[in-house]
Amino acid sequence: MVRNEEGHVSHTQSTDEALFLALSGHSVERRKVAHCYQIANHMKDIYADDVTLSVGPPDRLVAFLESRLAAGVADRPDPPRRGARPMGTGADPELTAVHAAFGLAIVERHDLVADDHRLYDLAHAAAEDAPGVPLERFKRQFRELAPDPEAREYRQALVDLAQEYATGGAQAAD
C-alpha cells in the first residue's frame, strides 16, 4: 500500500503495456501469459517486501515462502515428468520454479537465511521439475532489481523477465 501511495514505479507501471512489449510478435501459450502476470506481481512484491522487512521481523515471511514453495513442489504432476507441461490439476512446475526464484531473491536480497536453509532444497527440487526455467537467472534478476528505478529501467526489467519466461529470450519475428 505504501508503494502504491508513494507512486513507486513498480505499482504504477502498466503490466499490460510491458507484456505487450515483451510478447509482441510471439506466439505464447495462454498459461504462460498468465504466468507473466505473476512475474509482474513478484516484481511488485520485491519492492513491497523491501518496505515490510525494513520495519518488521522476517520470520513470518520466510515461513510463508517456505510453505508455499513446499506446497508447489509437492503438488507437481504425479509422477513428475522432467520438463513436461502439467496436465489437469496440480502446480505448474514452471511457475513453481519462478516462485522459487522469487523466494530465494527475497531472502538473499535481505540476507534472511543461511545457505543451508530448506528453501534452497525446495528451490533445487522446483528447478529439477522445470529445466526450461533458468532459476538462477530469474533469482538474480529479481534480487538485483534497483531499489528505486526510473520508469524506463523498471519497464525494461519487467519486459526482459516476461520475455525470458514466455519465449526463452527469443526475438520476435518480423
Protein backbone atom coordinates (compact mmCIF):
# COMPACT_ATOMS: atom_id res chain seq x y z
CA MET A 1 0.00 0.00 0.00
CA VAL A 2 2.89 2.36 0.80
CA ARG A 3 4.46 1.74 -2.61
CA ASN A 4 1.15 2.49 -4.29
CA GLU A 5 0.60 5.69 -2.30
CA GLU A 6 4.11 6.96 -2.99
CA GLY A 7 3.67 6.28 -6.72
CA HIS A 8 6.56 3.82 -6.89
CA VAL A 9 7.08 2.72 -10.47
CA SER A 10 6.58 -0.92 -9.51
CA HIS A 11 3.00 -0.06 -8.64
CA THR A 12 2.27 2.42 -11.42
CA GLN A 13 3.75 0.65 -14.46
CA SER A 14 1.07 -0.91 -16.63
CA THR A 15 1.61 -4.66 -16.68
CA ASP A 16 -0.40 -4.91 -19.89
CA GLU A 17 1.90 -2.40 -21.61
CA ALA A 18 5.05 -4.22 -20.53
CA LEU A 19 3.69 -7.62 -21.56
CA PHE A 20 2.62 -6.25 -24.92
CA LEU A 21 6.17 -5.02 -25.46
CA ALA A 22 7.65 -8.31 -24.26
CA LEU A 23 5.40 -10.69 -26.16
CA SER A 24 4.59 -8.77 -29.32
CA GLY A 25 5.34 -10.89 -32.37
CA HIS A 26 5.48 -14.13 -30.38
CA SER A 27 3.02 -16.97 -30.20
CA VAL A 28 2.70 -17.65 -26.46
CA GLU A 29 0.57 -20.18 -24.63
CA ARG A 30 -2.22 -18.63 -22.59
CA ARG A 31 -0.93 -20.21 -19.37
CA LYS A 32 2.47 -18.61 -19.92
CA VAL A 33 0.87 -15.21 -20.42
CA ALA A 34 -0.97 -15.71 -17.13
CA HIS A 35 2.35 -16.65 -15.52
CA CYS A 36 3.86 -13.40 -16.81
CA TYR A 37 1.27 -11.54 -14.75
CA GLN A 38 2.50 -13.49 -11.73
CA ILE A 39 6.08 -12.46 -12.56
CA ALA A 40 4.91 -8.83 -12.58
CA ASN A 41 3.28 -9.40 -9.17
CA HIS A 42 6.54 -10.83 -7.85
CA MET A 43 8.37 -7.71 -9.01
CA LYS A 44 5.85 -5.56 -7.14
CA ASP A 45 6.23 -7.80 -4.10
CA ILE A 46 10.02 -7.36 -4.12
CA TYR A 47 9.52 -3.64 -3.56
CA ALA A 48 6.68 -4.10 -1.07
CA ASP A 49 8.80 -6.58 0.91
CA ASP A 50 11.69 -4.09 0.92
CA VAL A 51 9.41 -1.82 2.96
CA THR A 52 7.93 -4.59 5.11
CA LEU A 53 11.30 -6.04 6.01
CA SER A 54 12.68 -2.64 6.93
CA VAL A 55 10.15 -2.35 9.76
CA GLY A 56 9.37 -5.86 10.89
CA PRO A 57 10.87 -9.27 11.60
CA PRO A 58 11.30 -11.63 8.63
CA ASP A 59 10.24 -14.87 10.36
CA ARG A 60 6.66 -14.93 9.10
CA LEU A 61 7.66 -14.04 5.54
CA VAL A 62 10.34 -16.74 5.42
CA ALA A 63 7.91 -19.32 6.81
CA PHE A 64 5.30 -18.26 4.24
CA LEU A 65 7.75 -18.51 1.32
CA GLU A 66 8.91 -21.92 2.51
CA SER A 67 5.40 -23.30 2.97
CA ARG A 68 4.14 -22.04 -0.39
CA LEU A 69 7.15 -23.43 -2.22
CA ALA A 70 6.86 -26.76 -0.41
CA ALA A 71 3.19 -26.93 -1.41
CA GLY A 72 4.03 -26.18 -5.05
CA VAL A 73 6.77 -28.81 -5.19
CA ALA A 74 4.54 -31.39 -3.50
CA ASP A 75 1.62 -30.61 -5.83
CA ARG A 76 3.51 -31.16 -9.07
CA PRO A 77 2.12 -33.60 -11.63
CA ASP A 78 2.42 -37.17 -10.48
CA PRO A 79 4.73 -38.65 -11.49
CA PRO A 80 6.75 -35.52 -12.27
CA ARG A 81 7.86 -35.60 -15.86
CA ARG A 82 11.03 -33.63 -16.47
CA GLY A 83 10.03 -30.57 -18.49
CA ALA A 84 6.55 -31.89 -19.22
CA ARG A 85 3.63 -29.48 -19.36
CA PRO A 86 1.29 -30.15 -16.46
CA MET A 87 -2.00 -31.78 -17.25
CA GLY A 88 -5.11 -31.33 -15.17
CA THR A 89 -4.75 -30.23 -11.59
CA GLY A 90 -1.60 -29.64 -9.68
CA ALA A 91 1.01 -26.95 -9.58
CA ASP A 92 2.64 -25.92 -12.84
CA PRO A 93 6.34 -26.85 -12.43
CA GLU A 94 7.49 -23.86 -14.49
CA LEU A 95 5.58 -21.39 -12.36
CA THR A 96 6.76 -23.15 -9.20
CA ALA A 97 10.35 -22.60 -10.40
CA VAL A 98 9.61 -18.88 -10.86
CA HIS A 99 8.12 -18.79 -7.34
CA ALA A 100 11.31 -20.46 -6.08
CA ALA A 101 13.47 -17.85 -7.79
CA PHE A 102 11.37 -15.10 -6.22
CA GLY A 103 11.59 -16.62 -2.74
CA LEU A 104 15.34 -17.03 -2.94
CA ALA A 105 15.72 -13.50 -4.28
CA ILE A 106 13.83 -12.06 -1.32
CA VAL A 107 15.83 -13.97 1.27
CA GLU A 108 19.14 -13.17 -0.43
CA ARG A 109 18.26 -9.51 -1.07
CA HIS A 110 17.73 -9.08 2.68
CA ASP A 111 20.16 -11.75 3.94
CA LEU A 112 17.39 -13.55 5.83
CA VAL A 113 18.53 -17.18 5.87
CA ALA A 114 21.68 -19.28 5.82
CA ASP A 115 22.80 -21.04 2.64
CA ASP A 116 21.68 -24.38 4.08
CA HIS A 117 18.07 -23.29 4.69
CA ARG A 118 15.36 -25.68 3.49
CA LEU A 119 14.21 -23.05 0.96
CA TYR A 120 17.31 -23.83 -1.12
CA ASP A 121 16.48 -27.55 -1.21
CA LEU A 122 12.91 -26.81 -2.25
CA ALA A 123 14.12 -24.43 -4.95
CA HIS A 124 16.50 -27.09 -6.25
CA ALA A 125 13.60 -29.56 -6.47
CA ALA A 126 11.48 -26.97 -8.29
CA ALA A 127 14.29 -26.31 -10.76
CA GLU A 128 14.68 -30.04 -11.42
CA ASP A 129 10.99 -30.23 -12.36
CA ALA A 130 11.28 -27.28 -14.76
CA PRO A 131 14.62 -27.43 -16.55
CA GLY A 132 13.45 -24.84 -19.11
CA VAL A 133 13.22 -22.14 -16.43
CA PRO A 134 16.65 -20.69 -15.61
CA LEU A 135 16.13 -20.45 -11.85
CA GLU A 136 19.49 -18.81 -11.14
CA ARG A 137 18.94 -16.15 -13.79
CA PHE A 138 15.45 -15.34 -12.52
CA LYS A 139 16.69 -15.27 -8.93
CA ARG A 140 19.49 -12.88 -9.87
CA GLN A 141 17.15 -10.61 -11.84
CA PHE A 142 14.61 -10.44 -9.01
CA ARG A 143 17.30 -9.98 -6.35
CA GLU A 144 19.14 -7.24 -8.24
CA LEU A 145 16.14 -5.05 -9.05
CA ALA A 146 17.27 -1.47 -8.40
CA PRO A 147 15.90 -0.09 -5.11
CA ASP A 148 14.35 2.98 -6.72
CA PRO A 149 14.38 2.52 -10.50
CA GLU A 150 13.34 5.02 -13.12
CA ALA A 151 10.19 4.09 -15.05
CA ARG A 152 12.16 3.08 -18.15
CA GLU A 153 14.52 0.86 -16.14
CA TYR A 154 11.67 -0.90 -14.34
CA ARG A 155 9.64 -1.41 -17.53
CA GLN A 156 12.72 -2.90 -19.23
CA ALA A 157 13.30 -5.30 -16.32
CA LEU A 158 9.68 -6.46 -16.50
CA VAL A 159 9.84 -6.82 -20.28
CA ASP A 160 13.08 -8.81 -20.01
CA LEU A 161 11.75 -11.19 -17.35
CA ALA A 162 8.45 -11.79 -19.16
CA GLN A 163 10.17 -12.33 -22.48
CA GLU A 164 12.73 -14.69 -20.96
CA TYR A 165 9.99 -16.72 -19.31
CA ALA A 166 7.47 -16.84 -22.16
CA THR A 167 9.84 -17.15 -25.11
CA GLY A 168 13.14 -18.26 -23.65
CA GLY A 169 14.52 -14.89 -24.72
CA ALA A 170 13.77 -15.49 -28.40
CA GLN A 171 13.50 -12.44 -30.61
CA ALA A 172 10.13 -11.74 -32.20
CA ALA A 173 9.50 -12.50 -35.84
CA ASP A 174 9.18 -9.51 -38.17
